[in-house]
Amino acid sequence: MKHPLLIASLLLATIPLGGCVAGMAVGAVDMAVRGARGKPENNAALLPTAVQACSARAAPYGTVKVIDKQQVSIDRIKVWGTADNGTTRHSFECTYGKKITSFKLRALPAAR
């Protein structure tokens, strides 16, 4: 009769630890994912390369004008600009790591 009471006591004692154990498990998974990705490399020296690559990607849409460029994280550069072919204008946002990883193009309304 003492064994069921002992088991019930142990189960009740582990309830407060449930959240802690779950938190530790999530933390361990997060560390494993970060380890698998590796340490990001600083690509700040690639800023001119990023501007050139993003400008070349936007060039089919017209004459390119880079508006801004920014190192947004240790391994990511963003370039913003416009491309104008005389009849239509587009804005673009380009993300660069070691190559272009994202390119968003948006049509701009005609100037009044």
Protein backbone atom coordinates (compact mmCIF):
# COMPACT_ATOMS: atom_id res chain seq x y z
CA MET A 1 0.00 0.00 0.00
CA LYS A 2 2.95 2.32 0.55
CA HIS A 3 4.18 1.92 -3.05
CA PRO A 4 1.16 3.59 -4.70
CA LEU A 5 1.49 6.44 -2.22
CA LEU A 6 5.20 6.77 -3.00
CA ILE A 7 4.54 6.78 -6.76
CA ALA A 8 1.81 9.39 -6.38
CA SER A 9 4.12 11.56 -4.27
CA LEU A 10 6.88 11.32 -6.90
CA LEU A 11 4.48 12.20 -9.69
CA LEU A 12 3.20 15.23 -7.78
CA ALA A 13 6.77 16.33 -7.08
CA THR A 14 7.66 16.27 -10.81
CA ILE A 15 4.76 18.52 -11.90
CA PRO A 16 6.60 21.78 -11.08
CA LEU A 17 9.62 20.46 -12.98
CA GLY A 18 7.60 19.77 -16.14
CA GLY A 19 7.93 23.29 -17.50
CA CYS A 20 11.59 23.42 -16.57
CA VAL A 21 12.37 20.16 -18.34
CA ALA A 22 10.44 21.26 -21.41
CA GLY A 23 12.34 24.56 -21.41
CA MET A 24 15.65 22.73 -21.17
CA ALA A 25 14.66 20.48 -24.08
CA VAL A 26 13.75 23.48 -26.24
CA GLY A 27 17.04 25.14 -25.32
CA ALA A 28 18.99 22.02 -26.28
CA VAL A 29 17.23 21.81 -29.66
CA ASP A 30 17.91 25.51 -30.29
CA MET A 31 21.61 25.05 -29.52
CA ALA A 32 21.79 22.05 -31.86
CA VAL A 33 20.18 24.02 -34.71
CA ARG A 34 22.57 26.95 -34.20
CA GLY A 35 25.52 24.57 -34.14
CA ALA A 36 24.42 22.94 -37.38
CA ARG A 37 24.19 26.33 -39.10
CA GLY A 38 27.67 27.30 -38.03
CA LYS A 39 28.92 30.73 -37.07
CA PRO A 40 27.86 33.43 -39.55
CA GLU A 41 30.72 35.14 -41.35
CA ASN A 42 30.93 38.91 -41.56
CA ASN A 43 30.35 40.02 -45.15
CA ALA A 44 30.71 43.80 -44.67
CA ALA A 45 33.61 43.81 -47.15
CA LEU A 46 31.17 42.57 -49.80
CA LEU A 47 29.08 45.77 -49.74
CA PRO A 48 30.32 46.97 -53.18
CA THR A 49 29.80 43.45 -54.59
CA ALA A 50 26.27 43.37 -53.14
CA VAL A 51 25.41 46.74 -54.71
CA GLN A 52 26.78 45.60 -58.07
CA ALA A 53 24.96 42.23 -57.99
CA CYS A 54 21.65 43.77 -56.91
CA SER A 55 21.96 46.52 -59.54
CA ALA A 56 22.60 43.89 -62.22
CA ARG A 57 19.54 41.94 -61.04
CA ALA A 58 17.37 45.08 -61.35
CA ALA A 59 18.88 46.24 -64.67
CA PRO A 60 16.41 44.37 -66.93
CA TYR A 61 13.68 46.65 -65.54
CA GLY A 62 15.42 49.89 -66.55
CA THR A 63 18.03 52.35 -65.42
CA VAL A 64 18.99 51.52 -61.86
CA LYS A 65 19.39 54.07 -59.08
CA VAL A 66 20.53 52.73 -55.70
CA ILE A 67 18.76 54.61 -52.91
CA ASP A 68 20.30 52.98 -49.85
CA LYS A 69 22.47 50.09 -48.73
CA GLN A 70 22.83 48.74 -45.23
CA GLN A 71 24.55 45.96 -43.32
CA VAL A 72 21.47 44.64 -41.47
CA SER A 73 23.24 41.75 -39.70
CA ILE A 74 26.71 40.27 -39.57
CA ASP A 75 26.07 38.20 -42.70
CA ARG A 76 23.29 40.10 -44.51
CA ILE A 77 23.32 43.24 -46.64
CA LYS A 78 20.20 44.99 -47.99
CA VAL A 79 20.17 47.20 -51.05
CA TRP A 80 17.19 49.39 -51.98
CA GLY A 81 16.68 51.24 -55.23
CA THR A 82 14.60 51.96 -58.30
CA ALA A 83 14.63 50.86 -61.91
CA ASP A 84 13.08 53.15 -64.53
CA ASN A 85 12.64 52.27 -68.21
CA GLY A 86 10.94 55.53 -69.20
CA THR A 87 7.40 54.20 -69.06
CA THR A 88 7.37 52.28 -65.81
CA ARG A 89 9.24 52.59 -62.55
CA HIS A 90 9.88 49.84 -60.07
CA SER A 91 11.35 49.84 -56.60
CA PHE A 92 13.43 46.91 -55.44
CA GLU A 93 14.73 45.45 -52.22
CA CYS A 94 17.62 43.05 -52.54
CA THR A 95 19.10 40.90 -49.78
CA TYR A 96 22.67 39.69 -50.19
CA GLY A 97 24.68 37.14 -48.18
CA LYS A 98 27.43 35.57 -50.25
CA LYS A 99 25.04 35.90 -53.19
CA ILE A 100 21.56 37.36 -53.73
CA THR A 101 19.21 35.53 -51.38
CA SER A 102 16.07 37.62 -51.95
CA PHE A 103 14.91 40.11 -54.57
CA LYS A 104 11.57 41.92 -54.27
CA LEU A 105 10.31 44.12 -57.07
CA ARG A 106 7.31 46.46 -56.81
CA ALA A 107 5.72 48.64 -59.47
CA LEU A 108 5.54 52.32 -58.57
CA PRO A 109 2.61 54.52 -59.58
CA ALA A 110 3.19 56.90 -62.48
CA ALA A 111 4.46 60.35 -61.53
CA ARG A 112 1.88 63.12 -61.73
